[in-house]
Protein backbone atom coordinates (compact mmCIF):
# COMPACT_ATOMS: atom_id res chain seq x y z
CA MET A 1 -19.28 -0.18 -1.04
CA TYR A 2 -19.09 3.75 -1.83
CA ASP A 3 -18.71 4.76 1.47
CA LEU A 4 -17.51 4.01 5.14
CA GLU A 5 -19.74 5.21 8.12
CA GLY A 6 -18.15 6.81 11.16
CA ILE A 7 -15.60 8.80 9.42
CA GLN A 8 -15.53 12.28 11.24
CA ASP A 9 -13.99 15.67 9.99
CA VAL A 10 -14.82 14.52 6.47
CA GLN A 11 -13.33 16.26 3.28
CA ASN A 12 -13.87 15.26 -0.38
CA ILE A 13 -10.27 15.89 -2.18
CA ASP A 14 -9.98 15.87 -6.05
CA ILE A 15 -6.59 14.84 -7.05
CA THR A 16 -4.86 15.07 -10.21
CA THR A 17 -1.93 12.63 -10.95
CA PRO A 18 0.67 12.45 -13.49
CA TYR A 19 -1.38 9.16 -14.52
CA GLY A 20 -4.81 11.16 -14.77
CA GLU A 21 -7.67 11.76 -12.05
CA PRO A 22 -8.44 8.71 -10.00
CA SER A 23 -11.97 6.77 -10.03
CA ASP A 24 -13.42 9.25 -8.05
CA SER A 25 -12.91 12.17 -5.22
CA VAL A 26 -11.13 10.87 -2.07
CA THR A 27 -12.97 10.94 0.96
CA VAL A 28 -10.50 11.76 4.07
CA GLY A 29 -10.99 11.94 7.77
CA ASN A 30 -10.42 9.98 10.62
CA LEU A 31 -12.05 7.17 12.24
CA ASP A 32 -11.51 6.77 16.14
CA GLY A 33 -8.14 8.76 15.85
CA VAL A 34 -6.93 6.89 12.81
CA SER A 35 -6.29 8.93 9.70
CA VAL A 36 -8.17 7.26 6.86
CA ALA A 37 -8.86 7.55 2.93
CA PHE A 38 -11.51 6.22 1.07
CA LEU A 39 -11.66 5.64 -2.74
CA PRO A 40 -14.54 3.73 -4.87
CA ARG A 41 -12.31 1.95 -7.37
CA HIS A 42 -15.51 1.92 -9.75
CA GLY A 43 -16.44 5.21 -9.03
CA ARG A 44 -19.58 6.19 -7.30
CA GLY A 45 -22.43 4.43 -9.18
CA HIS A 46 -20.11 1.80 -10.27
CA LYS A 47 -19.49 3.49 -13.70
CA ILE A 48 -16.08 2.51 -14.37
CA ASN A 49 -15.32 -1.54 -15.65
CA PRO A 50 -12.62 -3.18 -14.17
CA THR A 51 -9.89 -2.83 -17.36
CA GLN A 52 -10.49 1.05 -17.15
CA VAL A 53 -10.22 1.69 -13.99
CA PRO A 54 -7.28 4.24 -13.46
CA TYR A 55 -5.36 1.85 -11.29
CA ARG A 56 -1.89 3.83 -11.57
CA ALA A 57 -3.81 7.21 -10.70
CA ASN A 58 -5.76 5.46 -7.64
CA ILE A 59 -2.63 4.37 -6.27
CA PHE A 60 -0.57 7.29 -6.97
CA ALA A 61 -3.38 9.50 -5.21
CA LEU A 62 -3.39 7.56 -2.18
CA LYS A 63 0.52 7.89 -1.75
CA THR A 64 0.37 11.31 -2.33
CA LEU A 65 -2.21 11.94 0.60
CA GLY A 66 0.35 9.84 2.90
CA VAL A 67 -1.56 6.27 2.88
CA LYS A 68 0.37 3.81 4.20
CA ARG A 69 -2.03 0.69 4.05
CA ILE A 70 -4.57 -0.02 1.61
CA ILE A 71 -7.50 -2.64 2.33
CA SER A 72 -9.05 -3.74 -0.81
CA VAL A 73 -12.63 -4.97 -0.81
CA SER A 74 -13.60 -7.20 -3.75
CA ALA A 75 -16.16 -9.40 -5.33
CA VAL A 76 -15.03 -12.76 -6.72
CA GLY A 77 -16.27 -16.09 -7.62
CA SER A 78 -15.21 -19.43 -6.04
CA LEU A 79 -13.36 -22.16 -7.49
CA VAL A 80 -13.39 -24.61 -4.88
CA GLU A 81 -16.42 -26.19 -3.21
CA GLU A 82 -15.38 -25.20 0.54
CA LEU A 83 -15.74 -21.80 -0.37
CA PRO A 84 -19.47 -21.04 -1.03
CA PRO A 85 -21.10 -17.91 -1.73
CA ARG A 86 -20.98 -15.51 1.26
CA SER A 87 -17.36 -16.39 2.27
CA LEU A 88 -14.39 -14.34 2.78
CA VAL A 89 -11.24 -15.31 1.46
CA ILE A 90 -8.04 -13.23 2.64
CA PRO A 91 -5.98 -14.23 -0.24
CA ASP A 92 -1.97 -14.49 -0.13
CA GLN A 93 -1.34 -15.19 -3.74
CA VAL A 94 -2.54 -14.10 -7.52
CA ILE A 95 -2.20 -15.38 -10.73
CA ASP A 96 -2.22 -12.76 -13.47
CA ARG A 97 -4.52 -13.38 -16.35
CA THR A 98 -4.93 -9.68 -17.42
CA ARG A 99 -3.77 -8.26 -20.53
CA GLN A 100 -4.74 -4.67 -21.00
CA ARG A 101 -3.60 -2.57 -17.84
CA ARG A 102 -0.55 -0.59 -17.38
CA SER A 103 0.97 -1.99 -14.25
CA THR A 104 3.98 -0.15 -13.17
CA PHE A 105 5.17 3.42 -12.41
CA PHE A 106 8.55 2.87 -13.75
CA GLU A 107 9.05 3.47 -17.34
CA ASP A 108 10.43 6.12 -19.55
CA GLY A 109 14.02 6.05 -18.70
CA ILE A 110 13.77 4.51 -15.02
CA VAL A 111 13.65 0.75 -14.20
CA ALA A 112 12.55 -1.03 -10.89
CA HIS A 113 11.99 -4.40 -10.40
CA VAL A 114 10.03 -4.78 -7.10
CA SER A 115 9.79 -8.31 -5.35
CA LEU A 116 6.24 -9.75 -5.76
CA ALA A 117 6.81 -13.36 -4.64
CA ASP A 118 4.31 -12.63 -1.92
CA PRO A 119 1.68 -9.99 -3.37
CA PHE A 120 -0.03 -9.36 -0.19
CA CYS A 121 1.24 -7.54 2.92
CA SER A 122 1.08 -10.79 5.56
CA ASN A 123 0.95 -8.56 8.57
CA LEU A 124 -2.18 -6.47 7.27
CA SER A 125 -3.86 -9.89 6.33
CA ASP A 126 -3.27 -11.37 9.59
CA LEU A 127 -4.82 -8.21 11.37
CA ILE A 128 -7.78 -8.79 9.09
CA TYR A 129 -8.04 -12.37 10.00
CA GLU A 130 -7.84 -11.57 13.61
CA ASN A 131 -10.99 -9.49 13.39
CA VAL A 132 -12.80 -11.91 11.17
CA GLU A 133 -12.28 -14.82 13.78
CA GLY A 134 -15.28 -15.45 16.13
CA LEU A 135 -17.53 -14.02 13.55
CA ASP A 136 -20.09 -16.09 11.86
CA ILE A 137 -18.74 -16.09 8.53
CA ASN A 138 -16.99 -19.03 6.75
CA SER A 139 -13.68 -17.80 5.78
CA GLN A 140 -10.30 -18.97 4.60
CA LYS A 141 -6.93 -17.10 5.20
CA ASP A 142 -4.16 -17.93 2.68
CA ALA A 143 -5.78 -18.49 -1.04
CA THR A 144 -4.85 -18.18 -4.54
CA TRP A 145 -6.69 -15.57 -6.66
CA VAL A 146 -6.73 -15.49 -10.51
CA VAL A 147 -7.32 -11.93 -11.71
CA MET A 148 -8.85 -12.00 -15.17
CA GLU A 149 -9.52 -9.00 -17.78
CA GLY A 150 -12.94 -8.81 -17.86
CA PRO A 151 -15.52 -7.50 -17.87
CA ALA A 152 -17.12 -10.67 -19.15
CA PHE A 153 -17.23 -13.43 -16.95
CA SER A 154 -15.07 -16.75 -17.31
CA THR A 155 -15.86 -19.56 -20.22
CA ARG A 156 -16.72 -22.85 -18.52
CA ALA A 157 -13.54 -24.06 -19.93
CA GLU A 158 -11.55 -21.25 -18.26
CA SER A 159 -13.04 -22.21 -15.10
CA PHE A 160 -12.22 -25.67 -15.21
CA LEU A 161 -8.52 -24.72 -16.15
CA TYR A 162 -8.25 -22.45 -13.13
CA LYS A 163 -9.36 -25.37 -11.09
CA SER A 164 -6.84 -27.47 -12.19
CA TRP A 165 -4.02 -24.77 -11.51
CA GLY A 166 -5.11 -24.83 -7.69
CA ALA A 167 -6.42 -21.51 -7.66
CA HIS A 168 -9.18 -20.70 -5.14
CA ILE A 169 -10.93 -17.57 -6.22
CA ILE A 170 -11.42 -15.39 -9.41
CA GLY A 171 -12.03 -11.72 -9.56
CA MET A 172 -11.19 -8.67 -11.70
CA THR A 173 -9.06 -6.10 -9.72
CA ALA A 174 -6.39 -7.09 -7.57
CA LEU A 175 -4.03 -6.70 -10.48
CA PRO A 176 -2.04 -4.43 -11.25
CA GLU A 177 -3.52 -2.91 -7.68
CA ALA A 178 -0.90 -5.07 -5.96
CA LYS A 179 1.98 -4.90 -8.17
CA LEU A 180 1.44 -0.69 -7.97
CA ALA A 181 0.82 -0.59 -4.24
CA ARG A 182 4.04 -2.56 -3.64
CA GLU A 183 5.92 -0.13 -5.99
CA ALA A 184 4.70 2.70 -3.75
CA GLU A 185 5.71 0.89 -0.49
CA ILE A 186 2.21 0.72 0.83
CA CYS A 187 1.12 -2.43 2.51
CA TYR A 188 -1.81 -3.89 0.44
CA SER A 189 -4.19 -6.60 1.72
CA ALA A 190 -7.89 -7.70 0.41
CA MET A 191 -11.13 -9.14 1.47
CA ALA A 192 -12.39 -10.90 -1.22
CA TRP A 193 -16.15 -11.83 -0.93
CA VAL A 194 -17.37 -14.96 -3.03
CA THR A 195 -20.48 -13.75 -4.82
CA ASP A 196 -20.89 -17.01 -7.07
CA TYR A 197 -19.20 -20.52 -8.34
CA ASP A 198 -17.92 -19.04 -11.40
CA CYS A 199 -19.45 -21.32 -14.25
CA TRP A 200 -17.65 -24.65 -13.33
CA ARG A 201 -20.19 -26.57 -11.03
CA GLU A 202 -22.59 -27.88 -12.97
CA ASP A 203 -25.53 -28.27 -10.57
CA GLU A 204 -25.13 -24.26 -9.50
CA GLU A 205 -26.72 -21.66 -11.63
CA ASP A 206 -24.26 -19.77 -13.70
CA VAL A 207 -22.91 -16.44 -12.57
CA SER A 208 -24.93 -13.36 -13.48
CA VAL A 209 -25.19 -10.00 -12.26
CA ASP A 210 -28.39 -10.67 -10.23
CA ILE A 211 -26.37 -13.31 -8.09
CA VAL A 212 -23.52 -11.31 -7.73
CA ILE A 213 -25.50 -8.26 -6.47
CA GLN A 214 -27.92 -10.21 -4.01
CA ASN A 215 -24.53 -11.70 -2.30
CA LEU A 216 -22.62 -8.47 -2.26
CA GLN A 217 -25.03 -6.50 -0.62
CA HIS A 218 -25.69 -9.03 2.13
CA ASN A 219 -21.86 -8.54 2.87
CA VAL A 220 -21.50 -4.94 2.56
CA SER A 221 -22.74 -4.14 6.51
CA VAL A 222 -20.00 -7.00 7.14
CA SER A 223 -17.32 -5.81 5.60
CA LYS A 224 -17.81 -2.35 7.26
CA GLU A 225 -18.08 -4.08 10.80
CA ILE A 226 -14.55 -5.69 10.08
CA LEU A 227 -12.89 -2.65 8.42
CA ALA A 228 -13.96 -0.31 11.30
CA LYS A 229 -12.11 -2.99 13.78
CA VAL A 230 -9.14 -3.36 11.84
CA ILE A 231 -8.70 0.56 10.91
CA LYS A 232 -8.82 1.03 14.77
CA GLN A 233 -5.76 -1.29 15.19
CA THR A 234 -3.42 -0.62 12.38
CA GLY A 235 -0.94 0.94 14.70
CA LYS A 236 -0.08 -2.94 15.54
CA VAL A 237 1.63 -2.71 12.27
CA GLU A 238 4.01 0.04 12.65
CA HIS A 239 6.66 -0.92 10.33
CA CYS A 240 6.44 -3.83 7.76
CA PRO A 241 8.93 -4.59 4.65
CA CYS A 242 6.52 -3.48 2.16
CA ASN A 243 7.48 -0.01 3.44
CA ASP A 244 10.76 -0.45 1.89
CA ALA A 245 10.28 -2.37 -1.30
CA LEU A 246 12.24 -0.16 -3.45
CA GLN A 247 15.32 -0.07 -1.45
CA PHE A 248 16.79 -2.58 -3.73
CA ALA A 249 14.55 -2.53 -6.75
CA ILE A 250 15.66 0.66 -8.78
CA ILE A 251 18.21 -0.58 -11.26
CA SER A 252 18.51 2.72 -13.19
CA ASP A 253 21.39 4.75 -12.19
CA THR A 254 19.78 7.15 -10.15
CA ALA A 255 22.22 10.18 -10.95
CA GLN A 256 21.05 9.95 -14.89
CA ILE A 257 17.09 10.08 -14.08
CA SER A 258 15.65 12.96 -15.44
CA VAL A 259 14.25 15.82 -14.05
CA GLU A 260 10.98 15.45 -15.44
CA ASN A 261 11.27 11.95 -13.56
CA ARG A 262 12.48 13.09 -10.53
CA ASN A 263 9.44 15.44 -10.11
CA LYS A 264 6.99 13.16 -11.34
CA LEU A 265 7.90 10.38 -9.32
CA ARG A 266 8.97 12.29 -6.19
CA PRO A 267 6.20 10.55 -4.06
CA LEU A 268 7.19 7.40 -4.58
CA LEU A 269 11.21 8.06 -4.89
CA ALA A 270 11.83 11.00 -2.68
CA LYS A 271 13.91 9.16 0.07
CA TYR A 272 16.13 7.67 -2.34
CA LEU A 273 16.92 10.53 -4.56
CA ASP A 274 16.98 13.38 -1.98
């Protein structure tokens, strides 16, 4: 997905953050009266691999624009029989198998420990699921997502290992997005579309880019339909615990936070420092 139809009063905004530039320009506008922002995490044309996505810049840019809720759309592999290709999963848990990604805004003299027991916003996930029910889609709410480094797909041994852990899907992009969104006090949920059975299923063709692309294209229009419905109803989630995630998370003495860090993190910390 590189765009979302129906957005009016469109502007493309280029933002520079303390963490560099985001993946692409952010498209902002309104959809049926709701202010929206759209950012393709891999850049238009899919030119950024999962490890090199500027996750901190992306989340910081969205926070700067006033975004309160993020719905991620991702491709994943299935680790269970009951989630065949073209299924939609709305996960509630993640297992972090990434190794090369910066996953916090809080460093260099300021420490914060947000709760990530439930890494996805349950209120936003419930709203998405309400709008999936009734559609002719095999879907599951609540599932565990293994987030791997990539960009190569799993070995067969890894695939069987993740199955043995009780995980349902595997993909490459939910982390550190979920962690950073929580630090930014933004609700974060995901629509994870199954494109393949990874490589554990011996009677199934091993995952390949061709298979992934075919199934992704099949689901793009459905994703947009669901997103349009959910966006119109986000007013139902007026306030959420995600929006106060930093209230008791900052361990550092705020009086000792440097002016440089105060200015750098002001979009995240203003209500706690001012």
